[in-house]
Amino acid sequence: MTATALLAVAACAPSPAPPVASTAPHSPTSSVPAVALDSPSQPAADAVPVGAQPRLASDPAQVADDLIADELAIRDPSTPEPALVAAARRQQVAYRAIGRHPEWDGIIRPKIPAALTPAYDRNVDARRQLAAMAHLRDTLPAWRIVVPAPADELLGYYREAEAASGVGWNYLAAINLIETRFGSIVGLSTAGADGPMQFLPSTFAAYGDGGDIRSPRDSIMAAGRYLAANNFAADPDHAIYRYNHADQYVAAVNDYAAVLADDPASFAGFYRWDVYCVTVDGDVVLPIGYVAEAPIPVGEYLASHPQ
């Protein structure tokens, strides 16, 4: 249906063709407002470059302890916004690292409290499912990374779409997370899919009810209609597979949807996750403020934006 390229979570997808002209000799993201944050166990003097990813402890047992602290902070309504952002960004990086290191499972999982174990298992599985779909890139995409619509607005749109279509709000949120990190990514997939829920224009014309493909509300409502039309009520997996033809994608959507259903407070963490690309030089975070008019060689970007 959407021919999406799993823009936000699995990997980055290039735009269909290099637009207009090349970027300036320096990276087009020379000024970005993203805040760099250290892990709880990181020495304060070990500064993280602006726009870079948070640091993790080198010891997987410490990674587990830090992840537990961050999971609890995300679920605590009294956590102030700066600490919440820091916890969410570290949580994301921790799950990405754990996903790449199955040999850590025997160290980390036994340390996770029983109340957090289901969410932990599903996050790790989702990460591994999506990683299996990823393709290493040697360029970064021609995108803009923007602040997503306010969380309360998005939650309202998911609920509105659920009421209209019968598709659970948590499934719509999980798809929105996977596709574009809740609309943070502004750009096209390789197949030309567009908007926060990554519709092909022809499909959106059929399910968008005359709306705007790049409108968070219109695209979320269209996703509800599309999934309902594909028999979500009787066979959710079939409907999700129609959205993206990959069993790993279905599994990842189900994982994130289950986390959200079990504890809606987990949305606060997902909402504050970054956009990552899986590249030949490892994970690269694209912070809010990233702008590229044409694909950028990874090495060129990293020269001025160390991770």
C-alpha atoms as a PDB file:
ATOM      1  CA  MET A   1       0.000   0.000   0.000  1.00  0.00           C
ATOM      2  CA  THR A   2       2.375   2.699   1.137  1.00  0.00           C
ATOM      3  CA  ALA A   3       5.535   1.140  -0.308  1.00  0.00           C
ATOM      4  CA  THR A   4       7.163   2.792   2.671  1.00  0.00           C
ATOM      5  CA  ALA A   5      10.868   2.466   3.371  1.00  0.00           C
ATOM      6  CA  LEU A   6      10.605   2.399   7.186  1.00  0.00           C
ATOM      7  CA  LEU A   7      12.035   5.861   7.318  1.00  0.00           C
ATOM      8  CA  ALA A   8      12.388   6.398  11.025  1.00  0.00           C
ATOM      9  CA  VAL A   9      13.153   3.188  12.809  1.00  0.00           C
ATOM     10  CA  ALA A  10      14.574   0.519  10.544  1.00  0.00           C
ATOM     11  CA  ALA A  11      16.879   2.644   8.434  1.00  0.00           C
ATOM     12  CA  CYS A  12      16.942   5.778   6.343  1.00  0.00           C
ATOM     13  CA  ALA A  13      15.563   5.761   2.835  1.00  0.00           C
ATOM     14  CA  PRO A  14      16.960   8.011   0.126  1.00  0.00           C
ATOM     15  CA  SER A  15      14.760  10.408  -1.777  1.00  0.00           C
ATOM     16  CA  PRO A  16      13.660   9.113  -5.196  1.00  0.00           C
ATOM     17  CA  ALA A  17      16.185  11.260  -7.036  1.00  0.00           C
ATOM     18  CA  PRO A  18      18.828  13.795  -6.031  1.00  0.00           C
ATOM     19  CA  PRO A  19      16.917  17.097  -5.889  1.00  0.00           C
ATOM     20  CA  VAL A  20      18.183  20.258  -7.528  1.00  0.00           C
ATOM     21  CA  ALA A  21      21.804  20.937  -6.632  1.00  0.00           C
ATOM     22  CA  SER A  22      24.307  19.451  -4.261  1.00  0.00           C
ATOM     23  CA  THR A  23      24.734  20.777  -0.768  1.00  0.00           C
ATOM     24  CA  ALA A  24      27.349  23.294   0.197  1.00  0.00           C
ATOM     25  CA  PRO A  25      30.855  21.949   0.870  1.00  0.00           C
ATOM     26  CA  HIS A  26      30.098  21.874   4.581  1.00  0.00           C
ATOM     27  CA  SER A  27      27.216  19.841   5.931  1.00  0.00           C
ATOM     28  CA  PRO A  28      23.839  21.612   5.636  1.00  0.00           C
ATOM     29  CA  THR A  29      23.203  20.924   9.285  1.00  0.00           C
ATOM     30  CA  SER A  30      25.947  23.111  10.640  1.00  0.00           C
ATOM     31  CA  SER A  31      23.532  24.660  13.115  1.00  0.00           C
ATOM     32  CA  VAL A  32      21.078  22.381  14.859  1.00  0.00           C
ATOM     33  CA  PRO A  33      19.067  22.985  18.035  1.00  0.00           C
ATOM     34  CA  ALA A  34      19.292  19.398  19.305  1.00  0.00           C
ATOM     35  CA  VAL A  35      20.560  19.034  22.853  1.00  0.00           C
ATOM     36  CA  ALA A  36      23.347  16.523  23.462  1.00  0.00           C
ATOM     37  CA  LEU A  37      22.939  14.486  26.632  1.00  0.00           C
ATOM     38  CA  ASP A  38      25.240  12.101  28.488  1.00  0.00           C
ATOM     39  CA  SER A  39      24.253   8.800  30.047  1.00  0.00           C
ATOM     40  CA  PRO A  40      23.903   8.710  33.843  1.00  0.00           C
ATOM     41  CA  SER A  41      27.198   6.853  34.181  1.00  0.00           C
ATOM     42  CA  GLN A  42      29.132   9.092  31.794  1.00  0.00           C
ATOM     43  CA  PRO A  43      31.680  11.471  33.351  1.00  0.00           C
ATOM     44  CA  ALA A  44      30.532  15.064  33.091  1.00  0.00           C
ATOM     45  CA  ALA A  45      33.803  16.093  31.505  1.00  0.00           C
ATOM     46  CA  ASP A  46      33.233  13.734  28.571  1.00  0.00           C
ATOM     47  CA  ALA A  47      31.127  16.141  26.573  1.00  0.00           C
ATOM     48  CA  VAL A  48      28.913  14.894  23.767  1.00  0.00           C
ATOM     49  CA  PRO A  49      28.941  17.029  20.607  1.00  0.00           C
ATOM     50  CA  VAL A  50      25.766  18.949  19.861  1.00  0.00           C
ATOM     51  CA  GLY A  51      23.519  16.851  17.640  1.00  0.00           C
ATOM     52  CA  ALA A  52      25.293  13.606  18.557  1.00  0.00           C
ATOM     53  CA  GLN A  53      23.805  10.516  20.140  1.00  0.00           C
ATOM     54  CA  PRO A  54      23.938   9.926  23.900  1.00  0.00           C
ATOM     55  CA  ARG A  55      26.766   7.840  25.319  1.00  0.00           C
ATOM     56  CA  LEU A  56      26.164   4.437  26.863  1.00  0.00           C
ATOM     57  CA  ALA A  57      28.225   2.723  29.520  1.00  0.00           C
ATOM     58  CA  SER A  58      30.658   0.146  28.166  1.00  0.00           C
ATOM     59  CA  ASP A  59      29.530  -2.454  30.720  1.00  0.00           C
ATOM     60  CA  PRO A  60      26.218  -4.119  29.747  1.00  0.00           C
ATOM     61  CA  ALA A  61      25.308  -4.500  33.426  1.00  0.00           C
ATOM     62  CA  GLN A  62      25.553  -0.721  33.789  1.00  0.00           C
ATOM     63  CA  VAL A  63      23.563  -0.298  30.566  1.00  0.00           C
ATOM     64  CA  ALA A  64      20.821  -2.329  32.262  1.00  0.00           C
ATOM     65  CA  ASP A  65      20.876  -0.195  35.413  1.00  0.00           C
ATOM     66  CA  ASP A  66      20.770   3.022  33.397  1.00  0.00           C
ATOM     67  CA  LEU A  67      17.948   1.712  31.206  1.00  0.00           C
ATOM     68  CA  ILE A  68      15.872   0.808  34.257  1.00  0.00           C
ATOM     69  CA  ALA A  69      16.351   4.310  35.654  1.00  0.00           C
ATOM     70  CA  ASP A  70      15.349   5.843  32.334  1.00  0.00           C
ATOM     71  CA  GLU A  71      12.280   3.620  31.937  1.00  0.00           C
ATOM     72  CA  LEU A  72      11.092   4.649  35.395  1.00  0.00           C
ATOM     73  CA  ALA A  73      11.757   8.337  34.711  1.00  0.00           C
ATOM     74  CA  ILE A  74       9.742   8.166  31.476  1.00  0.00           C
ATOM     75  CA  ARG A  75       6.777   6.711  33.377  1.00  0.00           C
ATOM     76  CA  ASP A  76       6.974   9.258  36.204  1.00  0.00           C
ATOM     77  CA  PRO A  77       4.673  12.227  35.466  1.00  0.00           C
ATOM     78  CA  SER A  78       6.798  14.424  37.733  1.00  0.00           C
ATOM     79  CA  THR A  79       9.940  14.047  35.593  1.00  0.00           C
ATOM     80  CA  PRO A  80      10.842  17.520  34.248  1.00  0.00           C
ATOM     81  CA  GLU A  81      11.069  17.939  30.493  1.00  0.00           C
ATOM     82  CA  PRO A  82      14.890  18.140  30.200  1.00  0.00           C
ATOM     83  CA  ALA A  83      15.285  14.960  32.236  1.00  0.00           C
ATOM     84  CA  LEU A  84      12.498  13.292  30.248  1.00  0.00           C
ATOM     85  CA  VAL A  85      14.205  14.109  26.953  1.00  0.00           C
ATOM     86  CA  ALA A  86      17.511  12.797  28.305  1.00  0.00           C
ATOM     87  CA  ALA A  87      15.912   9.573  29.543  1.00  0.00           C
ATOM     88  CA  ALA A  88      14.070   8.950  26.261  1.00  0.00           C
ATOM     89  CA  ARG A  89      17.159   9.527  24.123  1.00  0.00           C
ATOM     90  CA  ARG A  90      19.254   7.196  26.278  1.00  0.00           C
ATOM     91  CA  GLN A  91      16.453   4.602  26.304  1.00  0.00           C
ATOM     92  CA  GLN A  92      16.404   4.592  22.513  1.00  0.00           C
ATOM     93  CA  VAL A  93      20.174   4.232  22.203  1.00  0.00           C
ATOM     94  CA  ALA A  94      20.169   1.458  24.800  1.00  0.00           C
ATOM     95  CA  TYR A  95      17.592  -0.565  22.880  1.00  0.00           C
ATOM     96  CA  ARG A  96      19.490  -0.034  19.637  1.00  0.00           C
ATOM     97  CA  ALA A  97      22.684  -1.324  21.274  1.00  0.00           C
ATOM     98  CA  ILE A  98      20.964  -4.257  22.978  1.00  0.00           C
ATOM     99  CA  GLY A  99      19.357  -5.157  19.675  1.00  0.00           C
ATOM    100  CA  ARG A 100      22.815  -5.449  18.105  1.00  0.00           C
ATOM    101  CA  HIS A 101      24.262  -7.474  20.991  1.00  0.00           C
ATOM    102  CA  PRO A 102      22.249 -10.627  21.699  1.00  0.00           C
ATOM    103  CA  GLU A 103      25.217 -11.816  23.779  1.00  0.00           C
ATOM    104  CA  TRP A 104      24.187  -9.181  26.356  1.00  0.00           C
ATOM    105  CA  ASP A 105      20.759 -10.767  26.859  1.00  0.00           C
ATOM    106  CA  GLY A 106      21.882 -13.042  29.663  1.00  0.00           C
ATOM    107  CA  ILE A 107      23.402 -10.080  31.520  1.00  0.00           C
ATOM    108  CA  ILE A 108      20.748  -7.416  31.003  1.00  0.00           C
ATOM    109  CA  ARG A 109      17.407  -9.191  30.998  1.00  0.00           C
ATOM    110  CA  PRO A 110      17.757 -10.778  34.481  1.00  0.00           C
ATOM    111  CA  LYS A 111      18.313  -7.302  35.911  1.00  0.00           C
ATOM    112  CA  ILE A 112      15.074  -5.872  34.476  1.00  0.00           C
ATOM    113  CA  PRO A 113      12.292  -5.631  37.107  1.00  0.00           C
ATOM    114  CA  ALA A 114       9.284  -7.857  36.480  1.00  0.00           C
ATOM    115  CA  ALA A 115       7.029  -4.846  35.939  1.00  0.00           C
ATOM    116  CA  LEU A 116       9.251  -3.662  33.076  1.00  0.00           C
ATOM    117  CA  THR A 117      10.084  -7.038  31.536  1.00  0.00           C
ATOM    118  CA  PRO A 118       7.220  -7.139  28.974  1.00  0.00           C
ATOM    119  CA  ALA A 119       8.091  -3.664  27.683  1.00  0.00           C
ATOM    120  CA  TYR A 120      11.786  -4.554  27.611  1.00  0.00           C
ATOM    121  CA  ASP A 121      11.188  -7.763  25.655  1.00  0.00           C
ATOM    122  CA  ARG A 122       8.956  -6.040  23.131  1.00  0.00           C
ATOM    123  CA  ASN A 123      11.303  -3.116  22.603  1.00  0.00           C
ATOM    124  CA  VAL A 124      14.240  -5.454  22.033  1.00  0.00           C
ATOM    125  CA  ASP A 125      12.238  -7.623  19.658  1.00  0.00           C
ATOM    126  CA  ALA A 126      10.967  -4.613  17.716  1.00  0.00           C
ATOM    127  CA  ARG A 127      14.499  -3.322  17.366  1.00  0.00           C
ATOM    128  CA  ARG A 128      15.751  -6.662  16.048  1.00  0.00           C
ATOM    129  CA  GLN A 129      12.826  -7.076  13.668  1.00  0.00           C
ATOM    130  CA  LEU A 130      13.394  -3.667  12.138  1.00  0.00           C
ATOM    131  CA  ALA A 131      17.165  -4.084  12.039  1.00  0.00           C
ATOM    132  CA  ALA A 132      16.650  -7.207   9.948  1.00  0.00           C
ATOM    133  CA  MET A 133      14.971  -5.000   7.346  1.00  0.00           C
ATOM    134  CA  ALA A 134      17.626  -2.294   7.342  1.00  0.00           C
ATOM    135  CA  HIS A 135      20.098  -1.693   4.534  1.00  0.00           C
ATOM    136  CA  LEU A 136      23.413   0.024   5.221  1.00  0.00           C
ATOM    137  CA  ARG A 137      23.651   3.442   3.608  1.00  0.00           C
ATOM    138  CA  ASP A 138      26.684   5.370   2.439  1.00  0.00           C
ATOM    139  CA  THR A 139      24.733   8.625   2.106  1.00  0.00           C
ATOM    140  CA  LEU A 140      22.355  10.485   4.379  1.00  0.00           C
ATOM    141  CA  PRO A 141      18.960  11.404   2.935  1.00  0.00           C
ATOM    142  CA  ALA A 142      17.592  14.588   1.436  1.00  0.00           C
ATOM    143  CA  TRP A 143      15.223  15.312   4.314  1.00  0.00           C
ATOM    144  CA  ARG A 144      14.278  17.858   6.899  1.00  0.00           C
ATOM    145  CA  ILE A 145      13.993  16.802  10.532  1.00  0.00           C
ATOM    146  CA  VAL A 146      11.423  18.895  12.371  1.00  0.00           C
ATOM    147  CA  VAL A 147       9.695  19.019  15.731  1.00  0.00           C
ATOM    148  CA  PRO A 148       6.659  16.703  15.531  1.00  0.00           C
ATOM    149  CA  ALA A 149       3.146  17.893  16.272  1.00  0.00           C
ATOM    150  CA  PRO A 150       2.494  18.242  20.011  1.00  0.00           C
ATOM    151  CA  ALA A 151       2.046  14.918  21.774  1.00  0.00           C
ATOM    152  CA  ASP A 152      -1.435  15.769  23.036  1.00  0.00           C
ATOM    153  CA  GLU A 153      -2.549  16.607  19.502  1.00  0.00           C
ATOM    154  CA  LEU A 154      -1.218  13.346  18.112  1.00  0.00           C
ATOM    155  CA  LEU A 155      -2.867  11.338  20.880  1.00  0.00           C
ATOM    156  CA  GLY A 156      -6.123  13.121  20.084  1.00  0.00           C
ATOM    157  CA  TYR A 157      -5.811  12.230  16.397  1.00  0.00           C
ATOM    158  CA  TYR A 158      -5.125   8.560  17.202  1.00  0.00           C
ATOM    159  CA  ARG A 159      -8.204   8.432  19.419  1.00  0.00           C
ATOM    160  CA  GLU A 160     -10.306  10.200  16.801  1.00  0.00           C
ATOM    161  CA  ALA A 161      -9.184   7.734  14.148  1.00  0.00           C
ATOM    162  CA  GLU A 162      -9.847   4.815  16.496  1.00  0.00           C
ATOM    163  CA  ALA A 163     -13.403   6.026  17.094  1.00  0.00           C
ATOM    164  CA  ALA A 164     -13.992   6.450  13.363  1.00  0.00           C
ATOM    165  CA  SER A 165     -12.328   3.267  12.096  1.00  0.00           C
ATOM    166  CA  GLY A 166     -12.113   0.806  14.962  1.00  0.00           C
ATOM    167  CA  VAL A 167      -8.321   0.605  14.601  1.00  0.00           C
ATOM    168  CA  GLY A 168      -6.659   0.847  17.999  1.00  0.00           C
ATOM    169  CA  TRP A 169      -4.977   4.147  18.784  1.00  0.00           C
ATOM    170  CA  ASN A 170      -1.862   2.269  19.861  1.00  0.00           C
ATOM    171  CA  TYR A 171      -1.476   0.626  16.440  1.00  0.00           C
ATOM    172  CA  LEU A 172      -1.757   3.970  14.689  1.00  0.00           C
ATOM    173  CA  ALA A 173       0.822   5.435  17.066  1.00  0.00           C
ATOM    174  CA  ALA A 174       3.163   2.491  16.500  1.00  0.00           C
ATOM    175  CA  ILE A 175       2.962   2.924  12.726  1.00  0.00           C
ATOM    176  CA  ASN A 176       3.509   6.668  13.039  1.00  0.00           C
ATOM    177  CA  LEU A 177       6.566   5.981  15.205  1.00  0.00           C
ATOM    178  CA  ILE A 178       8.068   3.515  12.762  1.00  0.00           C
ATOM    179  CA  GLU A 179       7.311   5.455   9.604  1.00  0.00           C
ATOM    180  CA  THR A 180       8.497   8.982  10.405  1.00  0.00           C
ATOM    181  CA  ARG A 181       9.123   9.275  14.132  1.00  0.00           C
ATOM    182  CA  PHE A 182       5.698  10.896  14.573  1.00  0.00           C
ATOM    183  CA  GLY A 183       6.205  13.200  11.614  1.00  0.00           C
ATOM    184  CA  SER A 184       9.710  14.404  12.460  1.00  0.00           C
ATOM    185  CA  ILE A 185      10.887  13.273   9.025  1.00  0.00           C
ATOM    186  CA  VAL A 186       9.788  15.482   6.146  1.00  0.00           C
ATOM    187  CA  GLY A 187      10.778  13.719   2.950  1.00  0.00           C
ATOM    188  CA  LEU A 188       9.897  11.010   0.477  1.00  0.00           C
ATOM    189  CA  SER A 189      10.588   7.294   0.489  1.00  0.00           C
ATOM    190  CA  THR A 190      12.326   5.644  -2.451  1.00  0.00           C
ATOM    191  CA  ALA A 191       8.888   4.770  -3.841  1.00  0.00           C
ATOM    192  CA  GLY A 192       7.520   8.288  -3.400  1.00  0.00           C
ATOM    193  CA  ALA A 193       5.538   7.714  -0.200  1.00  0.00           C
ATOM    194  CA  ASP A 194       4.915  10.966   1.629  1.00  0.00           C
ATOM    195  CA  GLY A 195       3.615  12.413   4.860  1.00  0.00           C
ATOM    196  CA  PRO A 196       3.692  11.375   8.524  1.00  0.00           C
ATOM    197  CA  MET A 197       2.121   7.979   7.787  1.00  0.00           C
ATOM    198  CA  GLN A 198       3.982   7.481   4.472  1.00  0.00           C
ATOM    199  CA  PHE A 199       1.225   7.084   1.901  1.00  0.00           C
ATOM    200  CA  LEU A 200       1.685   6.814  -1.807  1.00  0.00           C
ATOM    201  CA  PRO A 201      -0.259   9.751  -3.250  1.00  0.00           C
ATOM    202  CA  SER A 202      -2.565   7.399  -5.157  1.00  0.00           C
ATOM    203  CA  THR A 203      -3.427   5.481  -2.002  1.00  0.00           C
ATOM    204  CA  PHE A 204      -3.951   8.643  -0.019  1.00  0.00           C
ATOM    205  CA  ALA A 205      -6.303   9.902  -2.716  1.00  0.00           C
ATOM    206  CA  ALA A 206      -8.452   6.825  -2.068  1.00  0.00           C
ATOM    207  CA  TYR A 207      -8.419   6.995   1.755  1.00  0.00           C
ATOM    208  CA  GLY A 208      -7.549  10.582   2.615  1.00  0.00           C
ATOM    209  CA  ASP A 209     -11.082  12.000   2.292  1.00  0.00           C
ATOM    210  CA  GLY A 210      -9.784  15.006   0.380  1.00  0.00           C
ATOM    211  CA  GLY A 211      -7.251  15.910   3.065  1.00  0.00           C
ATOM    212  CA  ASP A 212      -3.580  16.883   3.036  1.00  0.00           C
ATOM    213  CA  ILE A 213      -1.114  13.999   2.845  1.00  0.00           C
ATOM    214  CA  ARG A 214       1.331  15.912   5.063  1.00  0.00           C
ATOM    215  CA  SER A 215      -1.249  16.814   7.711  1.00  0.00           C
ATOM    216  CA  PRO A 216      -0.793  14.693  10.856  1.00  0.00           C
ATOM    217  CA  ARG A 217      -4.548  14.461  11.416  1.00  0.00           C
ATOM    218  CA  ASP A 218      -5.461  13.741   7.812  1.00  0.00           C
ATOM    219  CA  SER A 219      -2.779  11.089   7.387  1.00  0.00           C
ATOM    220  CA  ILE A 220      -3.614   9.362  10.690  1.00  0.00           C
ATOM    221  CA  MET A 221      -7.313   9.317   9.822  1.00  0.00           C
ATOM    222  CA  ALA A 222      -6.445   7.901   6.381  1.00  0.00           C
ATOM    223  CA  ALA A 223      -4.336   5.173   7.983  1.00  0.00           C
ATOM    224  CA  GLY A 224      -7.287   4.178  10.143  1.00  0.00           C
ATOM    225  CA  ARG A 225      -9.537   3.984   7.094  1.00  0.00           C
ATOM    226  CA  TYR A 226      -6.977   1.962   5.145  1.00  0.00           C
ATOM    227  CA  LEU A 227      -6.396  -0.563   7.915  1.00  0.00           C
ATOM    228  CA  ALA A 228     -10.132  -0.913   8.552  1.00  0.00           C
ATOM    229  CA  ALA A 229     -10.743  -1.493   4.839  1.00  0.00           C
ATOM    230  CA  ASN A 230      -8.176  -4.275   4.976  1.00  0.00           C
ATOM    231  CA  ASN A 231     -10.083  -6.141   7.685  1.00  0.00           C
ATOM    232  CA  PHE A 232      -8.149  -4.944  10.733  1.00  0.00           C
ATOM    233  CA  ALA A 233     -11.031  -5.877  13.012  1.00  0.00           C
ATOM    234  CA  ALA A 234     -10.860  -9.565  12.090  1.00  0.00           C
ATOM    235  CA  ASP A 235      -7.185  -9.932  11.180  1.00  0.00           C
ATOM    236  CA  PRO A 236      -4.918  -7.111  12.389  1.00  0.00           C
ATOM    237  CA  ASP A 237      -1.746  -8.807  11.162  1.00  0.00           C
ATOM    238  CA  HIS A 238      -3.128  -9.046   7.633  1.00  0.00           C
ATOM    239  CA  ALA A 239      -4.079  -5.366   7.634  1.00  0.00           C
ATOM    240  CA  ILE A 240      -0.664  -4.302   8.935  1.00  0.00           C
ATOM    241  CA  TYR A 241       1.022  -6.523   6.358  1.00  0.00           C
ATOM    242  CA  ARG A 242      -0.974  -4.749   3.674  1.00  0.00           C
ATOM    243  CA  TYR A 243       0.410  -1.480   5.029  1.00  0.00           C
ATOM    244  CA  ASN A 244       3.966  -2.764   4.609  1.00  0.00           C
ATOM    245  CA  HIS A 245       4.641  -6.157   3.064  1.00  0.00           C
ATOM    246  CA  ALA A 246       7.102  -7.549   5.601  1.00  0.00           C
ATOM    247  CA  ASP A 247       6.550  -9.943   8.472  1.00  0.00           C
ATOM    248  CA  GLN A 248       9.207  -8.113  10.501  1.00  0.00           C
ATOM    249  CA  TYR A 249       7.267  -4.887  10.092  1.00  0.00           C
ATOM    250  CA  VAL A 250       4.099  -6.552  11.372  1.00  0.00           C
ATOM    251  CA  ALA A 251       5.968  -7.913  14.380  1.00  0.00           C
ATOM    252  CA  ALA A 252       7.503  -4.530  15.198  1.00  0.00           C
ATOM    253  CA  VAL A 253       4.161  -2.724  14.957  1.00  0.00           C
ATOM    254  CA  ASN A 254       2.623  -5.315  17.244  1.00  0.00           C
ATOM    255  CA  ASP A 255       5.504  -4.951  19.708  1.00  0.00           C
ATOM    256  CA  TYR A 256       5.274  -1.172  19.995  1.00  0.00           C
ATOM    257  CA  ALA A 257       1.474  -1.268  20.034  1.00  0.00           C
ATOM    258  CA  ALA A 258       1.568  -3.739  22.925  1.00  0.00           C
ATOM    259  CA  VAL A 259       3.955  -1.531  24.902  1.00  0.00           C
ATOM    260  CA  LEU A 260       1.619   1.426  24.420  1.00  0.00           C
ATOM    261  CA  ALA A 261      -1.482  -0.576  25.303  1.00  0.00           C
ATOM    262  CA  ASP A 262       0.079  -1.953  28.477  1.00  0.00           C
ATOM    263  CA  ASP A 263       1.304   1.455  29.629  1.00  0.00           C
ATOM    264  CA  PRO A 264       0.234   4.545  27.672  1.00  0.00           C
ATOM    265  CA  ALA A 265       2.831   6.548  29.644  1.00  0.00           C
ATOM    266  CA  SER A 266       5.466   4.868  27.473  1.00  0.00           C
ATOM    267  CA  PHE A 267       4.375   7.188  24.652  1.00  0.00           C
ATOM    268  CA  ALA A 268       6.304   9.966  26.400  1.00  0.00           C
ATOM    269  CA  GLY A 269       9.540   8.134  25.686  1.00  0.00           C
ATOM    270  CA  PHE A 270       8.780   7.154  22.111  1.00  0.00           C
ATOM    271  CA  TYR A 271       7.688  10.700  21.320  1.00  0.00           C
ATOM    272  CA  ARG A 272      11.113  12.048  22.292  1.00  0.00           C
ATOM    273  CA  TRP A 273      13.174   9.516  20.345  1.00  0.00           C
ATOM    274  CA  ASP A 274      15.595  10.720  17.682  1.00  0.00           C
ATOM    275  CA  VAL A 275      15.804   9.914  13.978  1.00  0.00           C
ATOM    276  CA  TYR A 276      18.632   7.503  13.158  1.00  0.00           C
ATOM    277  CA  CYS A 277      20.181   6.248   9.946  1.00  0.00           C
ATOM    278  CA  VAL A 278      21.964   2.909   9.763  1.00  0.00           C
ATOM    279  CA  THR A 279      25.106   3.584   7.744  1.00  0.00           C
ATOM    280  CA  VAL A 280      28.368   1.992   6.694  1.00  0.00           C
ATOM    281  CA  ASP A 281      29.921   3.993   9.547  1.00  0.00           C
ATOM    282  CA  GLY A 282      27.385   2.904  12.166  1.00  0.00           C
ATOM    283  CA  ASP A 283      24.317   4.623  13.558  1.00  0.00           C
ATOM    284  CA  VAL A 284      24.037   8.312  12.713  1.00  0.00           C
ATOM    285  CA  VAL A 285      21.501  10.530  14.465  1.00  0.00           C
ATOM    286  CA  LEU A 286      19.765  13.219  12.411  1.00  0.00           C
ATOM    287  CA  PRO A 287      18.799  15.876  14.957  1.00  0.00           C
ATOM    288  CA  ILE A 288      15.949  18.326  14.782  1.00  0.00           C
ATOM    289  CA  GLY A 289      17.176  21.037  12.440  1.00  0.00           C
ATOM    290  CA  TYR A 290      18.877  18.688   9.995  1.00  0.00           C
ATOM    291  CA  VAL A 291      18.254  19.880   6.439  1.00  0.00           C
ATOM    292  CA  ALA A 292      19.661  18.386   3.250  1.00  0.00           C
ATOM    293  CA  GLU A 293      18.614  19.324  -0.277  1.00  0.00           C
ATOM    294  CA  ALA A 294      20.511  16.361  -1.726  1.00  0.00           C
ATOM    295  CA  PRO A 295      21.980  13.161  -0.278  1.00  0.00           C
ATOM    296  CA  ILE A 296      25.144  13.722   1.773  1.00  0.00           C
ATOM    297  CA  PRO A 297      28.035  11.244   1.893  1.00  0.00           C
ATOM    298  CA  VAL A 298      28.146   9.824   5.409  1.00  0.00           C
ATOM    299  CA  GLY A 299      31.849  10.523   5.842  1.00  0.00           C
ATOM    300  CA  GLU A 300      31.381  14.144   4.861  1.00  0.00           C
ATOM    301  CA  TYR A 301      28.625  14.622   7.404  1.00  0.00           C
ATOM    302  CA  LEU A 302      30.524  12.899  10.195  1.00  0.00           C
ATOM    303  CA  ALA A 303      33.585  15.060   9.586  1.00  0.00           C
ATOM    304  CA  SER A 304      31.661  18.055  10.903  1.00  0.00           C
ATOM    305  CA  HIS A 305      29.053  16.225  13.034  1.00  0.00           C
ATOM    306  CA  PRO A 306      30.861  13.588  15.097  1.00  0.00           C
ATOM    307  CA  GLN A 307      28.643  11.069  16.790  1.00  0.00           C
END
